[in-house]
Amino acid sequence: MSVETTSLEQMGRDLGAAIAETDEYQRFEQAKQAVEADDEAQAHIREFNQLREEFMFARQTGNATEDGMQKLQSKQQELHSLPVMSEYLEAQSELQSRLETVNEAISDPLAVDFGGEAGGCCQD
């Protein structure tokens, strides 16, 4: 491996470590752990995922209904209204916003979207 590649990889590790130390990341991790430890939230997540799988199967087989979609949306709203889940979603949104800012800072001098399209070829 070249010195340049090793240096870039180290900068990547340093960047990852710096991101892990941000308030946004710390808040996100705490919120994630709170959701994982909350029995009520976990039960709602299981129910939502089961309903979503059933709806997706119904959609694939041509049997999806508006009622099924409304039930899924209602269950999602119920899940998102839990205080622990609301905190998680807000923390996730703030972290994503921060990471987008970092992505822009990396992408600007490269004239590519580092986090999105940097590895692709021949994309429209």
N, C-alpha and C. Protein backbone atom coordinates (compact mmCIF):
# COMPACT_ATOMS: atom_id res chain seq x y z
N MET A 1 0.82 -1.17 0.00
CA MET A 1 0.00 0.00 0.00
C MET A 1 0.88 1.25 0.00
N SER A 2 0.48 2.21 -0.78
CA SER A 2 1.28 3.44 -0.86
C SER A 2 1.10 4.28 0.40
N VAL A 3 2.04 5.18 0.60
CA VAL A 3 1.97 6.09 1.74
C VAL A 3 0.71 6.95 1.63
N GLU A 4 0.39 7.39 0.42
CA GLU A 4 -0.79 8.23 0.21
C GLU A 4 -2.06 7.49 0.61
N THR A 5 -2.19 6.23 0.20
CA THR A 5 -3.37 5.44 0.54
C THR A 5 -3.46 5.24 2.04
N THR A 6 -2.35 4.92 2.67
CA THR A 6 -2.34 4.73 4.11
C THR A 6 -2.74 6.02 4.82
N SER A 7 -2.25 7.15 4.36
CA SER A 7 -2.60 8.43 4.95
C SER A 7 -4.08 8.73 4.79
N LEU A 8 -4.63 8.47 3.61
CA LEU A 8 -6.06 8.70 3.37
C LEU A 8 -6.90 7.80 4.26
N GLU A 9 -6.50 6.54 4.39
CA GLU A 9 -7.25 5.63 5.26
C GLU A 9 -7.19 6.09 6.70
N GLN A 10 -6.05 6.58 7.12
CA GLN A 10 -5.92 7.09 8.50
C GLN A 10 -6.81 8.32 8.70
N MET A 11 -6.83 9.19 7.69
CA MET A 11 -7.71 10.35 7.78
C MET A 11 -9.17 9.91 7.88
N GLY A 12 -9.51 8.87 7.15
CA GLY A 12 -10.88 8.33 7.22
C GLY A 12 -11.20 7.81 8.62
N ARG A 13 -10.24 7.08 9.21
CA ARG A 13 -10.44 6.59 10.58
C ARG A 13 -10.54 7.76 11.56
N ASP A 14 -9.70 8.78 11.36
CA ASP A 14 -9.74 9.96 12.22
C ASP A 14 -11.09 10.68 12.08
N LEU A 15 -11.57 10.78 10.86
CA LEU A 15 -12.87 11.41 10.63
C LEU A 15 -13.97 10.62 11.33
N GLY A 16 -13.94 9.31 11.19
CA GLY A 16 -14.94 8.48 11.87
C GLY A 16 -14.91 8.66 13.37
N ALA A 17 -13.72 8.71 13.93
CA ALA A 17 -13.57 8.92 15.38
C ALA A 17 -14.08 10.30 15.77
N ALA A 18 -13.81 11.30 14.95
CA ALA A 18 -14.27 12.66 15.25
C ALA A 18 -15.80 12.74 15.19
N ILE A 19 -16.39 12.07 14.21
CA ILE A 19 -17.85 12.04 14.11
C ILE A 19 -18.44 11.37 15.34
N ALA A 20 -17.83 10.28 15.78
CA ALA A 20 -18.33 9.55 16.95
C ALA A 20 -18.29 10.40 18.21
N GLU A 21 -17.49 11.45 18.22
CA GLU A 21 -17.38 12.32 19.39
C GLU A 21 -18.33 13.52 19.33
N THR A 22 -19.03 13.70 18.22
CA THR A 22 -19.93 14.86 18.11
C THR A 22 -21.14 14.69 19.02
N ASP A 23 -21.72 15.81 19.40
CA ASP A 23 -22.94 15.79 20.21
C ASP A 23 -24.06 15.06 19.49
N GLU A 24 -24.15 15.27 18.17
CA GLU A 24 -25.22 14.64 17.38
C GLU A 24 -25.10 13.12 17.43
N TYR A 25 -23.89 12.62 17.27
CA TYR A 25 -23.71 11.17 17.28
C TYR A 25 -23.97 10.61 18.67
N GLN A 26 -23.47 11.29 19.70
CA GLN A 26 -23.68 10.83 21.07
C GLN A 26 -25.17 10.79 21.41
N ARG A 27 -25.89 11.82 21.01
CA ARG A 27 -27.33 11.86 21.25
C ARG A 27 -28.02 10.72 20.51
N PHE A 28 -27.61 10.50 19.27
CA PHE A 28 -28.21 9.43 18.48
C PHE A 28 -27.97 8.06 19.14
N GLU A 29 -26.76 7.81 19.58
CA GLU A 29 -26.44 6.53 20.22
C GLU A 29 -27.24 6.34 21.50
N GLN A 30 -27.38 7.39 22.29
CA GLN A 30 -28.16 7.30 23.52
C GLN A 30 -29.63 7.03 23.22
N ALA A 31 -30.15 7.71 22.21
CA ALA A 31 -31.55 7.51 21.83
C ALA A 31 -31.77 6.10 21.28
N LYS A 32 -30.82 5.61 20.51
CA LYS A 32 -30.90 4.26 19.94
C LYS A 32 -30.92 3.22 21.08
N GLN A 33 -30.03 3.40 22.03
CA GLN A 33 -29.98 2.47 23.17
C GLN A 33 -31.27 2.53 23.98
N ALA A 34 -31.83 3.72 24.12
CA ALA A 34 -33.09 3.86 24.87
C ALA A 34 -34.22 3.11 24.16
N VAL A 35 -34.28 3.21 22.84
CA VAL A 35 -35.31 2.49 22.07
C VAL A 35 -35.10 0.98 22.21
N GLU A 36 -33.86 0.55 22.11
CA GLU A 36 -33.57 -0.88 22.21
C GLU A 36 -33.90 -1.44 23.59
N ALA A 37 -33.82 -0.62 24.62
CA ALA A 37 -34.08 -1.06 26.00
C ALA A 37 -35.54 -0.91 26.40
N ASP A 38 -36.34 -0.25 25.58
CA ASP A 38 -37.73 0.04 25.92
C ASP A 38 -38.63 -1.09 25.39
N ASP A 39 -39.22 -1.85 26.31
CA ASP A 39 -40.06 -2.99 25.92
C ASP A 39 -41.27 -2.56 25.10
N GLU A 40 -41.89 -1.44 25.50
CA GLU A 40 -43.06 -0.96 24.76
C GLU A 40 -42.69 -0.59 23.33
N ALA A 41 -41.58 0.13 23.18
CA ALA A 41 -41.13 0.52 21.84
C ALA A 41 -40.82 -0.71 21.00
N GLN A 42 -40.16 -1.69 21.61
CA GLN A 42 -39.82 -2.91 20.87
C GLN A 42 -41.07 -3.66 20.43
N ALA A 43 -42.09 -3.70 21.26
CA ALA A 43 -43.35 -4.35 20.89
C ALA A 43 -44.00 -3.62 19.72
N HIS A 44 -44.00 -2.28 19.78
CA HIS A 44 -44.57 -1.48 18.67
C HIS A 44 -43.76 -1.68 17.39
N ILE A 45 -42.46 -1.77 17.50
CA ILE A 45 -41.61 -1.98 16.32
C ILE A 45 -41.93 -3.34 15.69
N ARG A 46 -42.05 -4.36 16.52
CA ARG A 46 -42.38 -5.70 15.99
C ARG A 46 -43.73 -5.69 15.28
N GLU A 47 -44.73 -5.05 15.91
CA GLU A 47 -46.06 -4.96 15.31
C GLU A 47 -46.02 -4.21 13.99
N PHE A 48 -45.31 -3.10 13.97
CA PHE A 48 -45.21 -2.32 12.74
C PHE A 48 -44.52 -3.13 11.64
N ASN A 49 -43.41 -3.78 11.97
CA ASN A 49 -42.68 -4.57 10.97
C ASN A 49 -43.53 -5.71 10.43
N GLN A 50 -44.31 -6.36 11.29
CA GLN A 50 -45.19 -7.44 10.85
C GLN A 50 -46.26 -6.91 9.90
N LEU A 51 -46.86 -5.80 10.27
CA LEU A 51 -47.89 -5.20 9.42
C LEU A 51 -47.29 -4.74 8.09
N ARG A 52 -46.08 -4.18 8.14
CA ARG A 52 -45.42 -3.73 6.91
C ARG A 52 -45.12 -4.92 5.99
N GLU A 53 -44.62 -6.01 6.56
CA GLU A 53 -44.34 -7.20 5.76
C GLU A 53 -45.62 -7.73 5.12
N GLU A 54 -46.70 -7.76 5.88
CA GLU A 54 -47.98 -8.22 5.34
C GLU A 54 -48.45 -7.31 4.21
N PHE A 55 -48.30 -6.01 4.39
CA PHE A 55 -48.72 -5.07 3.34
C PHE A 55 -47.86 -5.22 2.10
N MET A 56 -46.54 -5.36 2.29
CA MET A 56 -45.65 -5.51 1.14
C MET A 56 -45.98 -6.79 0.36
N PHE A 57 -46.28 -7.86 1.07
CA PHE A 57 -46.67 -9.11 0.40
C PHE A 57 -47.97 -8.90 -0.36
N ALA A 58 -48.93 -8.24 0.27
CA ALA A 58 -50.21 -7.97 -0.40
C ALA A 58 -49.99 -7.12 -1.65
N ARG A 59 -49.09 -6.17 -1.57
CA ARG A 59 -48.80 -5.32 -2.72
C ARG A 59 -48.16 -6.12 -3.85
N GLN A 60 -47.24 -7.02 -3.49
CA GLN A 60 -46.57 -7.85 -4.50
C GLN A 60 -47.55 -8.79 -5.19
N THR A 61 -48.55 -9.23 -4.46
CA THR A 61 -49.52 -10.17 -5.04
C THR A 61 -50.73 -9.46 -5.62
N GLY A 62 -50.72 -8.13 -5.58
CA GLY A 62 -51.83 -7.37 -6.14
C GLY A 62 -53.04 -7.29 -5.23
N ASN A 63 -52.87 -7.60 -3.96
CA ASN A 63 -53.99 -7.61 -3.03
C ASN A 63 -53.96 -6.46 -2.02
N ALA A 64 -53.10 -5.50 -2.24
CA ALA A 64 -53.01 -4.37 -1.31
C ALA A 64 -54.25 -3.51 -1.42
N THR A 65 -54.67 -3.00 -0.28
CA THR A 65 -55.86 -2.14 -0.25
C THR A 65 -55.51 -0.81 0.40
N GLU A 66 -56.37 0.15 0.17
CA GLU A 66 -56.22 1.46 0.81
C GLU A 66 -56.35 1.31 2.33
N ASP A 67 -57.23 0.43 2.76
CA ASP A 67 -57.40 0.17 4.19
C ASP A 67 -56.10 -0.39 4.79
N GLY A 68 -55.46 -1.28 4.06
CA GLY A 68 -54.19 -1.84 4.53
C GLY A 68 -53.12 -0.77 4.65
N MET A 69 -53.08 0.14 3.71
CA MET A 69 -52.12 1.24 3.74
C MET A 69 -52.42 2.16 4.91
N GLN A 70 -53.69 2.45 5.15
CA GLN A 70 -54.07 3.31 6.26
C GLN A 70 -53.72 2.67 7.61
N LYS A 71 -53.91 1.37 7.73
CA LYS A 71 -53.54 0.67 8.96
C LYS A 71 -52.04 0.74 9.20
N LEU A 72 -51.27 0.58 8.14
CA LEU A 72 -49.82 0.67 8.24
C LEU A 72 -49.39 2.08 8.66
N GLN A 73 -49.96 3.08 8.03
CA GLN A 73 -49.63 4.47 8.37
C GLN A 73 -50.03 4.80 9.81
N SER A 74 -51.16 4.29 10.23
CA SER A 74 -51.63 4.51 11.59
C SER A 74 -50.67 3.87 12.60
N LYS A 75 -50.23 2.66 12.31
CA LYS A 75 -49.30 1.97 13.20
C LYS A 75 -47.97 2.71 13.25
N GLN A 76 -47.53 3.25 12.11
CA GLN A 76 -46.29 4.01 12.09
C GLN A 76 -46.43 5.29 12.93
N GLN A 77 -47.55 5.97 12.80
CA GLN A 77 -47.77 7.17 13.60
C GLN A 77 -47.80 6.84 15.09
N GLU A 78 -48.42 5.73 15.42
CA GLU A 78 -48.47 5.27 16.80
C GLU A 78 -47.06 5.02 17.33
N LEU A 79 -46.25 4.35 16.53
CA LEU A 79 -44.86 4.08 16.91
C LEU A 79 -44.08 5.38 17.08
N HIS A 80 -44.20 6.27 16.12
CA HIS A 80 -43.44 7.52 16.15
C HIS A 80 -43.89 8.46 17.27
N SER A 81 -45.11 8.27 17.77
CA SER A 81 -45.60 9.13 18.84
C SER A 81 -45.08 8.73 20.22
N LEU A 82 -44.48 7.57 20.33
CA LEU A 82 -43.87 7.18 21.61
C LEU A 82 -42.73 8.15 21.90
N PRO A 83 -42.67 8.69 23.12
CA PRO A 83 -41.61 9.67 23.43
C PRO A 83 -40.20 9.16 23.12
N VAL A 84 -39.92 7.91 23.45
CA VAL A 84 -38.57 7.37 23.22
C VAL A 84 -38.27 7.28 21.72
N MET A 85 -39.29 6.96 20.94
CA MET A 85 -39.10 6.85 19.49
C MET A 85 -39.01 8.24 18.86
N SER A 86 -39.79 9.18 19.37
CA SER A 86 -39.74 10.55 18.87
C SER A 86 -38.34 11.13 19.08
N GLU A 87 -37.77 10.89 20.25
CA GLU A 87 -36.41 11.36 20.55
C GLU A 87 -35.41 10.71 19.60
N TYR A 88 -35.57 9.43 19.35
CA TYR A 88 -34.67 8.70 18.44
C TYR A 88 -34.74 9.30 17.04
N LEU A 89 -35.94 9.53 16.54
CA LEU A 89 -36.10 10.05 15.18
C LEU A 89 -35.53 11.47 15.06
N GLU A 90 -35.71 12.28 16.10
CA GLU A 90 -35.15 13.63 16.07
C GLU A 90 -33.62 13.57 16.09
N ALA A 91 -33.06 12.70 16.94
CA ALA A 91 -31.60 12.56 17.02
C ALA A 91 -31.04 12.03 15.69
N GLN A 92 -31.75 11.10 15.09
CA GLN A 92 -31.33 10.55 13.80
C GLN A 92 -31.32 11.63 12.73
N SER A 93 -32.34 12.46 12.71
CA SER A 93 -32.43 13.55 11.73
C SER A 93 -31.29 14.55 11.91
N GLU A 94 -30.98 14.90 13.16
CA GLU A 94 -29.89 15.83 13.41
C GLU A 94 -28.54 15.24 12.99
N LEU A 95 -28.35 13.95 13.25
CA LEU A 95 -27.09 13.30 12.84
C LEU A 95 -27.00 13.26 11.32
N GLN A 96 -28.09 12.92 10.65
CA GLN A 96 -28.06 12.89 9.19
C GLN A 96 -27.74 14.26 8.61
N SER A 97 -28.30 15.30 9.22
CA SER A 97 -28.01 16.65 8.76
C SER A 97 -26.52 16.98 8.92
N ARG A 98 -25.97 16.61 10.05
CA ARG A 98 -24.54 16.85 10.29
C ARG A 98 -23.69 16.08 9.30
N LEU A 99 -24.05 14.82 9.04
CA LEU A 99 -23.28 14.00 8.10
C LEU A 99 -23.38 14.52 6.67
N GLU A 100 -24.53 15.10 6.32
CA GLU A 100 -24.66 15.71 5.00
C GLU A 100 -23.72 16.91 4.86
N THR A 101 -23.57 17.66 5.93
CA THR A 101 -22.65 18.80 5.92
C THR A 101 -21.22 18.32 5.74
N VAL A 102 -20.87 17.24 6.44
CA VAL A 102 -19.53 16.66 6.30
C VAL A 102 -19.34 16.14 4.86
N ASN A 103 -20.35 15.48 4.33
CA ASN A 103 -20.29 14.97 2.97
C ASN A 103 -20.04 16.10 1.97
N GLU A 104 -20.73 17.22 2.17
CA GLU A 104 -20.53 18.38 1.28
C GLU A 104 -19.11 18.91 1.38
N ALA A 105 -18.58 18.96 2.60
CA ALA A 105 -17.21 19.46 2.78
C ALA A 105 -16.20 18.57 2.08
N ILE A 106 -16.45 17.27 2.07
CA ILE A 106 -15.55 16.33 1.39
C ILE A 106 -15.76 16.40 -0.12
N SER A 107 -17.01 16.48 -0.53
CA SER A 107 -17.36 16.42 -1.95
C SER A 107 -17.00 17.67 -2.73
N ASP A 108 -17.09 18.83 -2.11
CA ASP A 108 -16.87 20.09 -2.83
C ASP A 108 -15.55 20.12 -3.60
N PRO A 109 -14.41 19.84 -2.99
CA PRO A 109 -13.17 19.92 -3.76
C PRO A 109 -13.03 18.79 -4.78
N LEU A 110 -13.82 17.75 -4.66
CA LEU A 110 -13.73 16.61 -5.58
C LEU A 110 -14.68 16.73 -6.76
N ALA A 111 -15.64 17.61 -6.66
CA ALA A 111 -16.67 17.79 -7.68
C ALA A 111 -17.49 16.52 -7.89
N VAL A 112 -17.64 15.73 -6.82
CA VAL A 112 -18.52 14.55 -6.84
C VAL A 112 -19.20 14.46 -5.48
N ASP A 113 -20.31 13.73 -5.45
CA ASP A 113 -21.00 13.48 -4.20
C ASP A 113 -20.31 12.30 -3.53
N PHE A 114 -19.37 12.60 -2.67
CA PHE A 114 -18.56 11.57 -2.02
C PHE A 114 -19.40 10.49 -1.37
N GLY A 115 -20.42 10.87 -0.64
CA GLY A 115 -21.23 9.91 0.09
C GLY A 115 -22.26 9.20 -0.77
N GLY A 116 -22.49 9.68 -1.98
CA GLY A 116 -23.54 9.09 -2.80
C GLY A 116 -23.06 8.42 -4.07
N GLU A 117 -22.38 9.16 -4.90
CA GLU A 117 -22.10 8.68 -6.25
C GLU A 117 -20.62 8.49 -6.56
N ALA A 118 -19.74 8.66 -5.61
CA ALA A 118 -18.31 8.68 -5.90
C ALA A 118 -17.81 7.38 -6.52
N GLY A 119 -18.41 6.26 -6.18
CA GLY A 119 -17.90 4.99 -6.67
C GLY A 119 -18.50 4.57 -8.01
N GLY A 120 -19.50 5.29 -8.47
CA GLY A 120 -20.22 4.87 -9.65
C GLY A 120 -19.55 5.27 -10.94
N CYS A 121 -20.01 4.66 -12.02
CA CYS A 121 -19.50 4.96 -13.35
C CYS A 121 -20.69 5.15 -14.28
N CYS A 122 -20.56 6.11 -15.14
CA CYS A 122 -21.54 6.29 -16.21
C CYS A 122 -22.94 6.49 -15.67
N GLN A 123 -23.09 7.30 -14.65
CA GLN A 123 -24.42 7.54 -14.07
C GLN A 123 -25.00 8.81 -14.66
N ASP A 124 -26.30 8.79 -14.84
CA ASP A 124 -27.00 9.97 -15.38
C ASP A 124 -27.43 10.86 -14.25
